[in-house]
PDB file of N, CA and C in Angstrom:
ATOM      1  N   UNK A   1     -10.366 -35.290-176.982  1.00  0.00           N
ATOM      2  CA  UNK A   1     -11.269 -35.057-175.936  1.00  0.00           C
ATOM      3  C   UNK A   1     -11.120 -33.687-175.343  1.00  0.00           C
ATOM      4  N   UNK A   2     -12.307 -33.192-175.087  1.00  0.00           N
ATOM      5  CA  UNK A   2     -12.310 -31.730-174.605  1.00  0.00           C
ATOM      6  C   UNK A   2     -11.699 -31.606-173.246  1.00  0.00           C
ATOM      7  N   UNK A   3     -10.927 -30.611-172.871  1.00  0.00           N
ATOM      8  CA  UNK A   3     -10.273 -30.487-171.517  1.00  0.00           C
ATOM      9  C   UNK A   3     -11.260 -30.532-170.379  1.00  0.00           C
ATOM     10  N   UNK A   4     -12.357 -29.875-170.541  1.00  0.00           N
ATOM     11  CA  UNK A   4     -13.313 -29.772-169.466  1.00  0.00           C
ATOM     12  C   UNK A   4     -14.002 -31.101-169.229  1.00  0.00           C
ATOM     13  N   UNK A   5     -14.344 -31.902-170.140  1.00  0.00           N
ATOM     14  CA  UNK A   5     -14.834 -33.310-170.195  1.00  0.00           C
ATOM     15  C   UNK A   5     -13.710 -34.162-169.530  1.00  0.00           C
ATOM     16  N   UNK A   6     -12.479 -33.948-169.863  1.00  0.00           N
ATOM     17  CA  UNK A   6     -11.504 -34.858-169.238  1.00  0.00           C
ATOM     18  C   UNK A   6     -11.251 -34.576-167.916  1.00  0.00           C
ATOM     19  N   UNK A   7     -11.369 -33.248-167.428  1.00  0.00           N
ATOM     20  CA  UNK A   7     -11.343 -33.002-166.041  1.00  0.00           C
ATOM     21  C   UNK A   7     -12.479 -33.615-165.245  1.00  0.00           C
ATOM     22  N   UNK A   8     -13.699 -33.469-165.817  1.00  0.00           N
ATOM     23  CA  UNK A   8     -14.847 -34.134-165.008  1.00  0.00           C
ATOM     24  C   UNK A   8     -14.973 -35.604-164.919  1.00  0.00           C
ATOM     25  N   UNK A   9     -14.228 -36.375-166.000  1.00  0.00           N
ATOM     26  CA  UNK A   9     -14.244 -37.788-165.936  1.00  0.00           C
ATOM     27  C   UNK A   9     -13.122 -38.083-164.816  1.00  0.00           C
ATOM     28  N   UNK A  10     -11.915 -37.323-164.814  1.00  0.00           N
ATOM     29  CA  UNK A  10     -10.721 -37.672-163.882  1.00  0.00           C
ATOM     30  C   UNK A  10     -11.290 -37.454-162.516  1.00  0.00           C
ATOM     31  N   UNK A  11     -12.109 -36.334-162.234  1.00  0.00           N
ATOM     32  CA  UNK A  11     -12.762 -36.183-160.853  1.00  0.00           C
ATOM     33  C   UNK A  11     -13.679 -37.219-160.511  1.00  0.00           C
ATOM     34  N   UNK A  12     -14.468 -37.629-161.420  1.00  0.00           N
ATOM     35  CA  UNK A  12     -15.377 -38.714-161.135  1.00  0.00           C
ATOM     36  C   UNK A  12     -14.633 -40.116-160.817  1.00  0.00           C
ATOM     37  N   UNK A  13     -13.525 -40.294-161.461  1.00  0.00           N
ATOM     38  CA  UNK A  13     -12.672 -41.500-161.332  1.00  0.00           C
ATOM     39  C   UNK A  13     -12.102 -41.484-160.010  1.00  0.00           C
ATOM     40  N   UNK A  14     -11.471 -40.334-159.588  1.00  0.00           N
ATOM     41  CA  UNK A  14     -10.937 -40.287-158.172  1.00  0.00           C
ATOM     42  C   UNK A  14     -11.887 -40.478-156.999  1.00  0.00           C
ATOM     43  N   UNK A  15     -13.030 -39.948-157.351  1.00  0.00           N
ATOM     44  CA  UNK A  15     -14.266 -40.080-156.369  1.00  0.00           C
ATOM     45  C   UNK A  15     -14.467 -41.524-156.204  1.00  0.00           C
ATOM     46  N   UNK A  16     -14.561 -42.352-157.418  1.00  0.00           N
ATOM     47  CA  UNK A  16     -14.988 -43.629-157.306  1.00  0.00           C
ATOM     48  C   UNK A  16     -13.803 -44.521-156.765  1.00  0.00           C
ATOM     49  N   UNK A  17     -12.645 -44.146-156.995  1.00  0.00           N
ATOM     50  CA  UNK A  17     -11.465 -44.872-156.350  1.00  0.00           C
ATOM     51  C   UNK A  17     -11.401 -44.577-154.866  1.00  0.00           C
ATOM     52  N   UNK A  18     -11.832 -43.416-154.419  1.00  0.00           N
ATOM     53  CA  UNK A  18     -11.676 -43.063-153.097  1.00  0.00           C
ATOM     54  C   UNK A  18     -12.774 -44.037-152.282  1.00  0.00           C
ATOM     55  N   UNK A  19     -14.078 -44.038-152.934  1.00  0.00           N
ATOM     56  CA  UNK A  19     -15.055 -44.981-152.289  1.00  0.00           C
ATOM     57  C   UNK A  19     -14.785 -46.264-152.293  1.00  0.00           C
ATOM     58  N   UNK A  20     -13.920 -46.932-153.198  1.00  0.00           N
ATOM     59  CA  UNK A  20     -13.585 -48.261-153.305  1.00  0.00           C
ATOM     60  C   UNK A  20     -12.659 -48.518-152.266  1.00  0.00           C
ATOM     61  N   UNK A  21     -11.633 -47.513-152.032  1.00  0.00           N
ATOM     62  CA  UNK A  21     -10.652 -47.661-151.053  1.00  0.00           C
ATOM     63  C   UNK A  21     -11.260 -47.731-149.639  1.00  0.00           C
ATOM     64  N   UNK A  22     -12.305 -46.982-149.499  1.00  0.00           N
ATOM     65  CA  UNK A  22     -13.049 -46.883-147.989  1.00  0.00           C
ATOM     66  C   UNK A  22     -13.510 -48.146-147.837  1.00  0.00           C
ATOM     67  N   UNK A  23     -14.173 -48.755-148.756  1.00  0.00           N
ATOM     68  CA  UNK A  23     -14.925 -50.029-148.529  1.00  0.00           C
ATOM     69  C   UNK A  23     -13.921 -51.144-148.128  1.00  0.00           C
ATOM     70  N   UNK A  24     -12.670 -51.028-148.937  1.00  0.00           N
ATOM     71  CA  UNK A  24     -11.643 -52.024-148.719  1.00  0.00           C
ATOM     72  C   UNK A  24     -11.135 -52.081-147.351  1.00  0.00           C
ATOM     73  N   UNK A  25     -10.949 -50.664-146.832  1.00  0.00           N
ATOM     74  CA  UNK A  25     -10.343 -50.473-145.519  1.00  0.00           C
ATOM     75  C   UNK A  25     -11.523 -51.017-144.311  1.00  0.00           C
ATOM     76  N   UNK A  26     -12.753 -50.724-144.619  1.00  0.00           N
ATOM     77  CA  UNK A  26     -13.822 -51.297-143.610  1.00  0.00           C
ATOM     78  C   UNK A  26     -13.757 -52.678-143.649  1.00  0.00           C
ATOM     79  N   UNK A  27     -13.475 -53.421-144.873  1.00  0.00           N
ATOM     80  CA  UNK A  27     -13.615 -54.916-144.776  1.00  0.00           C
ATOM     81  C   UNK A  27     -12.426 -55.295-144.052  1.00  0.00           C
ATOM     82  N   UNK A  28     -11.230 -54.614-144.092  1.00  0.00           N
ATOM     83  CA  UNK A  28     -10.027 -55.122-143.399  1.00  0.00           C
ATOM     84  C   UNK A  28     -10.206 -55.027-141.839  1.00  0.00           C
ATOM     85  N   UNK A  29     -10.987 -54.002-141.455  1.00  0.00           N
ATOM     86  CA  UNK A  29     -11.110 -53.579-140.066  1.00  0.00           C
ATOM     87  C   UNK A  29     -11.922 -54.628-139.310  1.00  0.00           C
ATOM     88  N   UNK A  30     -12.892 -55.311-140.080  1.00  0.00           N
ATOM     89  CA  UNK A  30     -13.573 -56.362-139.511  1.00  0.00           C
ATOM     90  C   UNK A  30     -12.900 -57.779-139.488  1.00  0.00           C
ATOM     91  N   UNK A  31     -12.509 -58.131-138.309  1.00  0.00           N
ATOM     92  CA  UNK A  31     -11.743 -59.286-138.134  1.00  0.00           C
ATOM     93  C   UNK A  31     -12.779 -60.323-137.778  1.00  0.00           C
ATOM     94  N   UNK A  32     -12.492 -61.479-138.444  1.00  0.00           N
ATOM     95  CA  UNK A  32     -13.415 -62.677-138.007  1.00  0.00           C
ATOM     96  C   UNK A  32     -12.969 -63.221-136.656  1.00  0.00           C
ATOM     97  N   UNK A  33     -14.104 -63.689-135.918  1.00  0.00           N
ATOM     98  CA  UNK A  33     -13.755 -64.296-134.653  1.00  0.00           C
ATOM     99  C   UNK A  33     -13.135 -65.743-134.819  1.00  0.00           C
ATOM    100  N   UNK A  34     -12.374 -66.193-134.083  1.00  0.00           N
ATOM    101  CA  UNK A  34     -11.783 -67.472-134.229  1.00  0.00           C
ATOM    102  C   UNK A  34     -13.019 -68.474-133.676  1.00  0.00           C
ATOM    103  N   UNK A  35     -13.046 -69.631-134.475  1.00  0.00           N
ATOM    104  CA  UNK A  35     -14.192 -70.488-134.125  1.00  0.00           C
ATOM    105  C   UNK A  35     -13.750 -71.395-133.068  1.00  0.00           C
ATOM    106  N   UNK A  36     -14.647 -71.276-131.937  1.00  0.00           N
ATOM    107  CA  UNK A  36     -14.342 -72.091-130.888  1.00  0.00           C
ATOM    108  C   UNK A  36     -15.463 -73.075-130.619  1.00  0.00           C
ATOM    109  N   UNK A  37     -15.032 -74.374-130.520  1.00  0.00           N
ATOM    110  CA  UNK A  37     -15.962 -75.362-130.393  1.00  0.00           C
ATOM    111  C   UNK A  37     -16.158 -75.943-128.880  1.00  0.00           C
ATOM    112  N   UNK A  38     -17.274 -75.637-128.377  1.00  0.00           N
ATOM    113  CA  UNK A  38     -17.664 -75.990-126.995  1.00  0.00           C
ATOM    114  C   UNK A  38     -18.109 -77.369-126.818  1.00  0.00           C
ATOM    115  N   UNK A  39     -17.420 -78.199-126.141  1.00  0.00           N
ATOM    116  CA  UNK A  39     -17.697 -79.611-126.134  1.00  0.00           C
ATOM    117  C   UNK A  39     -18.121 -80.016-124.717  1.00  0.00           C
ATOM    118  N   UNK A  40     -19.114 -80.801-124.514  1.00  0.00           N
ATOM    119  CA  UNK A  40     -19.520 -81.145-123.197  1.00  0.00           C
ATOM    120  C   UNK A  40     -19.285 -82.833-123.175  1.00  0.00           C
ATOM    121  N   UNK A  41     -18.215 -83.270-122.420  1.00  0.00           N
ATOM    122  CA  UNK A  41     -17.797 -84.638-122.366  1.00  0.00           C
ATOM    123  C   UNK A  41     -18.678 -85.319-121.283  1.00  0.00           C
ATOM    124  N   UNK A  42     -19.219 -86.342-121.627  1.00  0.00           N
ATOM    125  CA  UNK A  42     -20.086 -87.107-120.551  1.00  0.00           C
ATOM    126  C   UNK A  42     -19.428 -88.460-120.585  1.00  0.00           C
ATOM    127  N   UNK A  43     -19.259 -88.917-119.256  1.00  0.00           N
ATOM    128  CA  UNK A  43     -18.824 -90.243-118.979  1.00  0.00           C
ATOM    129  C   UNK A  43     -19.844 -90.829-117.850  1.00  0.00           C
ATOM    130  N   UNK A  44     -20.021 -91.826-117.915  1.00  0.00           N
ATOM    131  CA  UNK A  44     -20.952 -92.635-117.086  1.00  0.00           C
ATOM    132  C   UNK A  44     -20.430 -92.577-115.730  1.00  0.00           C
ATOM    133  N   UNK A  45     -21.204 -92.168-114.744  1.00  0.00           N
ATOM    134  CA  UNK A  45     -20.930 -91.887-113.364  1.00  0.00           C
ATOM    135  C   UNK A  45     -20.064 -90.769-113.103  1.00  0.00           C
ATOM    136  N   UNK A  46     -19.754 -89.953-113.901  1.00  0.00           N
ATOM    137  CA  UNK A  46     -18.931 -88.654-113.649  1.00  0.00           C
ATOM    138  C   UNK A  46     -19.618 -87.373-114.277  1.00  0.00           C
ATOM    139  N   UNK A  47     -19.288 -86.277-113.537  1.00  0.00           N
ATOM    140  CA  UNK A  47     -19.982 -85.047-113.888  1.00  0.00           C
ATOM    141  C   UNK A  47     -19.607 -84.561-115.343  1.00  0.00           C
ATOM    142  N   UNK A  48     -20.456 -83.799-115.927  1.00  0.00           N
ATOM    143  CA  UNK A  48     -20.054 -83.270-117.322  1.00  0.00           C
ATOM    144  C   UNK A  48     -18.905 -82.490-117.260  1.00  0.00           C
ATOM    145  N   UNK A  49     -18.013 -82.465-118.352  1.00  0.00           N
ATOM    146  CA  UNK A  49     -16.907 -81.667-118.377  1.00  0.00           C
ATOM    147  C   UNK A  49     -16.991 -80.783-119.668  1.00  0.00           C
ATOM    148  N   UNK A  50     -16.885 -79.496-119.382  1.00  0.00           N
ATOM    149  CA  UNK A  50     -16.976 -78.456-120.606  1.00  0.00           C
ATOM    150  C   UNK A  50     -15.469 -78.196-121.001  1.00  0.00           C
ATOM    151  N   UNK A  51     -15.457 -78.413-122.209  1.00  0.00           N
ATOM    152  CA  UNK A  51     -14.018 -78.150-122.971  1.00  0.00           C
ATOM    153  C   UNK A  51     -14.229 -77.053-123.938  1.00  0.00           C
ATOM    154  N   UNK A  52     -13.243 -76.194-123.950  1.00  0.00           N
ATOM    155  CA  UNK A  52     -13.501 -74.905-124.888  1.00  0.00           C
ATOM    156  C   UNK A  52     -12.334 -75.185-126.076  1.00  0.00           C
TER     157      UNK A  52
END
């Protein structure tokens, strides 16, 4: 393989790896919120109770 062609391919590969690394870091930065179920308990003759 020609030296210039090899350098071009290596540079393109480094660029692609850097872009892939950035997307992985962005995915890690996004943290899912915990699922919170809000429930309303109803009993006959009593006011509603909100449970988090």
